[in-house]
Amino acid sequence: MRISVGIADDQLLFMKSLSALIDTFPGFEVVMDGVNGEDLCRKLTLTASVPDILLLDVNMPVMDGPATAAFVAQRFPVIRMVALSMKDDEISIIKMIRAGCCAYLSKDMHPAELEKALQEVARTGYYNADGCHSSHVRTAALKARLPEDKFTAREMEFLQLACSDMTYKQIASAMYLSERTIDGYRESLFEKFQVQSRVGMVMEGLRRELVDLCRQNNTDQIT
């Protein structure tokens, strides 16, 4: 059975090229597209069979990526969503993750990595490119030591705040700590998670169920 894919992107040429590429991947088929989030959401509400996976551009006119992801997550929770962006803007990507995306992909990624990412999303509902560059040996060693990883209460507090749109400086202020101390927590978690970016750290925290985005969203609404 083929995995159906939908795409929302205001760059028409890119969207059509991406569709043509995905259609060449064994087991995948693009069945829907939209020139912005509103266009895609309208088509979703009119179809009897929604796509298995949606690729959503972060920055779109009319209805942007986070708003589109939030709508889809509420109305069509069975759809797995992937954020697409040309810019490596960690805060924007984290907003997409908080809205319901299970992966982030750069628009300039290699086609082979795109195919691998779609396969992983279809199979597991998750893909973290930041944690997929280590060798098989290193990955096996990491998995072997996962149960031994220990996280302090302050590291967990930092990780929860890192899932917000706060800067590291703002996180330091909220935790009444120096920026240097916050840098230490970040580097410690990067090492324990074997990632190289804030986005990778957030996604790995979610995969391990160490953070609660519902809690974070409720906190944001209060503030």
Protein backbone atom coordinates (compact mmCIF):
# COMPACT_ATOMS: atom_id res chain seq x y z
CA MET A 1 0.00 0.00 0.00
CA ARG A 2 1.40 3.39 -1.01
CA ILE A 3 1.96 6.15 1.53
CA SER A 4 0.01 9.27 0.51
CA VAL A 5 1.63 12.69 0.89
CA GLY A 6 0.33 16.26 0.86
CA ILE A 7 2.42 19.43 0.43
CA ALA A 8 1.77 23.07 1.31
CA ASP A 9 4.25 25.64 -0.03
CA ASP A 10 3.77 29.07 -1.60
CA GLN A 11 6.76 28.56 -3.92
CA LEU A 12 4.92 26.84 -6.75
CA LEU A 13 7.98 25.67 -8.68
CA PHE A 14 9.53 24.15 -5.56
CA MET A 15 6.25 22.47 -4.61
CA LYS A 16 5.78 20.90 -8.05
CA SER A 17 9.42 19.79 -8.20
CA LEU A 18 9.14 18.25 -4.73
CA SER A 19 5.95 16.46 -5.73
CA ALA A 20 7.60 15.01 -8.82
CA LEU A 21 10.57 13.85 -6.74
CA ILE A 22 8.47 12.17 -4.06
CA ASP A 23 6.44 10.38 -6.73
CA THR A 24 9.67 8.63 -7.78
CA PHE A 25 10.16 7.17 -4.29
CA PRO A 26 8.94 3.55 -4.08
CA GLY A 27 5.79 3.33 -1.99
CA PHE A 28 5.02 7.07 -1.93
CA GLU A 29 2.51 9.18 -3.82
CA VAL A 30 1.67 12.89 -3.63
CA VAL A 31 -2.11 13.22 -3.58
CA MET A 32 -2.66 16.83 -2.49
CA ASP A 33 -0.99 20.23 -2.55
CA GLY A 34 -1.76 23.78 -1.49
CA VAL A 35 -0.23 27.18 -2.22
CA ASN A 36 -0.64 28.14 1.45
CA GLY A 37 -1.99 26.68 4.67
CA GLU A 38 -5.52 27.90 4.11
CA ASP A 39 -5.64 26.33 0.66
CA LEU A 40 -4.41 23.00 2.01
CA CYS A 41 -6.79 23.01 5.01
CA ARG A 42 -9.74 23.73 2.72
CA LYS A 43 -8.82 20.76 0.54
CA LEU A 44 -8.42 18.53 3.61
CA THR A 45 -11.93 19.33 4.81
CA LEU A 46 -13.37 18.49 1.38
CA THR A 47 -11.67 15.14 0.82
CA ALA A 48 -12.89 11.76 2.01
CA SER A 49 -9.36 10.41 2.36
CA VAL A 50 -6.66 12.60 3.93
CA PRO A 51 -2.93 12.09 3.23
CA ASP A 52 -0.83 9.98 5.59
CA ILE A 53 1.92 12.64 5.72
CA LEU A 54 1.89 16.40 5.21
CA LEU A 55 4.94 18.49 4.35
CA LEU A 56 4.35 22.06 5.54
CA ASP A 57 6.40 25.12 4.69
CA VAL A 58 7.14 27.16 7.80
CA ASN A 59 6.68 30.58 6.18
CA MET A 60 3.57 30.92 4.01
CA PRO A 61 1.20 33.83 3.32
CA VAL A 62 -2.46 33.81 4.39
CA MET A 63 -1.97 30.93 6.86
CA ASP A 64 1.56 30.09 7.96
CA GLY A 65 3.11 26.78 8.97
CA PRO A 66 2.43 26.84 12.75
CA ALA A 67 -1.21 27.86 12.25
CA THR A 68 -1.68 25.17 9.60
CA ALA A 69 -0.06 22.51 11.77
CA ALA A 70 -2.23 23.46 14.75
CA PHE A 71 -5.39 23.23 12.61
CA VAL A 72 -4.42 19.85 11.19
CA ALA A 73 -3.42 18.46 14.59
CA GLN A 74 -6.81 19.37 16.00
CA ARG A 75 -8.98 18.32 13.06
CA PHE A 76 -6.95 15.44 11.60
CA PRO A 77 -4.77 13.96 14.39
CA VAL A 78 -3.98 10.83 12.34
CA ILE A 79 -1.93 12.87 9.84
CA ARG A 80 1.81 12.99 10.46
CA MET A 81 3.24 16.43 9.74
CA VAL A 82 6.74 17.44 8.71
CA ALA A 83 8.03 21.04 8.79
CA LEU A 84 9.88 22.36 5.73
CA SER A 85 12.08 25.44 5.77
CA MET A 86 14.91 27.03 3.80
CA LYS A 87 16.14 29.02 6.80
CA ASP A 88 17.67 27.36 9.85
CA ASP A 89 15.50 29.36 12.24
CA GLU A 90 15.35 27.28 15.42
CA ILE A 91 12.52 29.24 17.06
CA SER A 92 10.26 28.96 14.00
CA ILE A 93 10.97 25.25 13.72
CA ILE A 94 10.25 24.69 17.41
CA LYS A 95 6.91 26.47 16.93
CA MET A 96 6.12 23.92 14.21
CA ILE A 97 7.05 21.04 16.50
CA ARG A 98 4.93 22.45 19.31
CA ALA A 99 2.03 22.76 16.85
CA GLY A 100 2.23 19.05 16.05
CA CYS A 101 5.02 18.33 13.56
CA CYS A 102 7.04 15.17 14.14
CA ALA A 103 10.03 16.11 11.98
CA TYR A 104 11.86 19.04 10.43
CA LEU A 105 13.52 18.97 7.01
CA SER A 106 15.61 21.57 5.22
CA LYS A 107 14.55 22.40 1.68
CA ASP A 108 18.11 21.96 0.45
CA MET A 109 18.49 18.42 1.83
CA HIS A 110 19.65 15.58 -0.39
CA PRO A 111 16.86 13.56 -2.08
CA ALA A 112 18.18 10.36 -0.49
CA GLU A 113 17.81 11.89 2.97
CA LEU A 114 14.30 13.06 2.12
CA GLU A 115 13.32 9.54 1.13
CA LYS A 116 14.84 8.16 4.33
CA ALA A 117 13.02 10.79 6.39
CA LEU A 118 9.65 10.00 4.83
CA GLN A 119 10.21 6.29 5.41
CA GLU A 120 11.04 6.93 9.08
CA VAL A 121 8.04 9.19 9.57
CA ALA A 122 5.75 6.61 7.97
CA ARG A 123 7.26 3.78 10.03
CA THR A 124 7.79 5.41 13.43
CA GLY A 125 6.04 8.78 13.33
CA TYR A 126 9.32 10.55 14.06
CA TYR A 127 12.50 11.71 12.35
CA ASN A 128 15.34 13.74 13.82
CA ALA A 129 17.91 14.59 11.16
CA ASP A 130 20.16 16.08 13.83
CA GLY A 131 20.52 12.70 15.47
CA CYS A 132 20.98 10.65 12.30
CA HIS A 133 24.52 11.55 11.26
CA SER A 134 26.44 9.26 13.58
CA SER A 135 27.87 5.95 12.43
CA HIS A 136 26.06 2.66 13.05
CA VAL A 137 28.63 1.77 15.68
CA ARG A 138 28.17 5.05 17.53
CA THR A 139 24.39 4.77 17.31
CA ALA A 140 24.47 1.22 18.69
CA ALA A 141 26.69 2.35 21.54
CA LEU A 142 24.33 5.22 22.30
CA LYS A 143 21.29 2.95 22.41
CA ALA A 144 23.13 0.56 24.65
CA ARG A 145 23.73 3.26 27.26
CA LEU A 146 20.37 5.04 27.13
CA PRO A 147 19.07 3.50 30.39
CA GLU A 148 22.14 4.85 32.20
CA ASP A 149 21.55 8.46 31.21
CA LYS A 150 20.76 10.61 34.23
CA PHE A 151 19.14 14.02 34.05
CA THR A 152 19.13 16.55 36.86
CA ALA A 153 16.00 18.47 37.82
CA ARG A 154 17.59 21.66 36.52
CA GLU A 155 18.43 20.04 33.19
CA MET A 156 14.80 18.98 32.86
CA GLU A 157 13.62 22.49 33.72
CA PHE A 158 15.97 23.88 31.08
CA LEU A 159 14.78 21.33 28.51
CA GLN A 160 11.14 22.25 29.13
CA LEU A 161 11.90 25.95 28.65
CA ALA A 162 13.98 25.19 25.54
CA CYS A 163 10.77 23.91 23.94
CA SER A 164 9.38 27.46 24.06
CA ASP A 165 10.21 30.45 21.87
CA MET A 166 12.39 31.93 24.62
CA THR A 167 16.00 32.76 23.81
CA TYR A 168 18.77 31.20 25.87
CA LYS A 169 19.24 34.58 27.57
CA GLN A 170 15.56 34.66 28.54
CA ILE A 171 15.77 31.08 29.80
CA ALA A 172 18.73 32.06 31.99
CA SER A 173 16.70 34.92 33.43
CA ALA A 174 13.66 32.70 34.04
CA MET A 175 15.82 30.15 35.86
CA TYR A 176 17.75 32.86 37.77
CA LEU A 177 21.02 31.54 36.40
CA SER A 178 23.91 32.94 34.40
CA GLU A 179 24.03 32.45 30.63
CA ARG A 180 27.24 30.49 31.15
CA THR A 181 25.40 28.01 33.39
CA ILE A 182 22.64 27.67 30.78
CA ASP A 183 25.31 26.99 28.16
CA GLY A 184 26.54 24.18 30.39
CA TYR A 185 23.08 22.60 30.59
CA ARG A 186 22.73 22.87 26.82
CA GLU A 187 26.08 21.24 26.12
CA SER A 188 25.36 18.49 28.65
CA LEU A 189 22.06 17.63 26.98
CA PHE A 190 23.59 17.84 23.51
CA GLU A 191 26.10 15.23 24.64
CA LYS A 192 23.55 12.97 26.33
CA PHE A 193 21.17 13.16 23.36
CA GLN A 194 23.98 13.04 20.77
CA VAL A 195 22.59 16.05 18.89
CA GLN A 196 24.08 19.30 17.66
CA SER A 197 21.23 21.81 17.76
CA ARG A 198 18.39 23.09 19.91
CA VAL A 199 15.85 21.61 17.51
CA GLY A 200 17.52 18.21 17.73
CA MET A 201 17.55 18.44 21.52
CA VAL A 202 13.85 19.31 21.66
CA MET A 203 12.88 16.50 19.30
CA GLU A 204 14.94 13.95 21.21
CA GLY A 205 13.37 15.13 24.46
CA LEU A 206 9.95 14.60 22.90
CA ARG A 207 10.87 11.18 21.54
CA ARG A 208 11.97 10.07 25.01
CA GLU A 209 8.84 11.67 26.51
CA LEU A 210 10.94 13.85 28.80
CA VAL A 211 9.04 17.04 27.96
CA ASP A 212 5.36 17.91 27.81
CA LEU A 213 4.41 20.35 25.08
CA CYS A 214 0.84 20.57 26.40
CA ARG A 215 2.25 21.92 29.64
CA GLN A 216 4.44 24.35 27.72
CA ASN A 217 1.55 25.59 25.60
CA ASN A 218 -0.61 26.11 28.68
CA THR A 219 2.19 28.11 30.30
CA ASP A 220 2.50 30.29 27.18
CA GLN A 221 -1.25 31.02 27.23
CA ILE A 222 -1.06 32.12 30.86
CA THR A 223 1.86 34.46 30.19
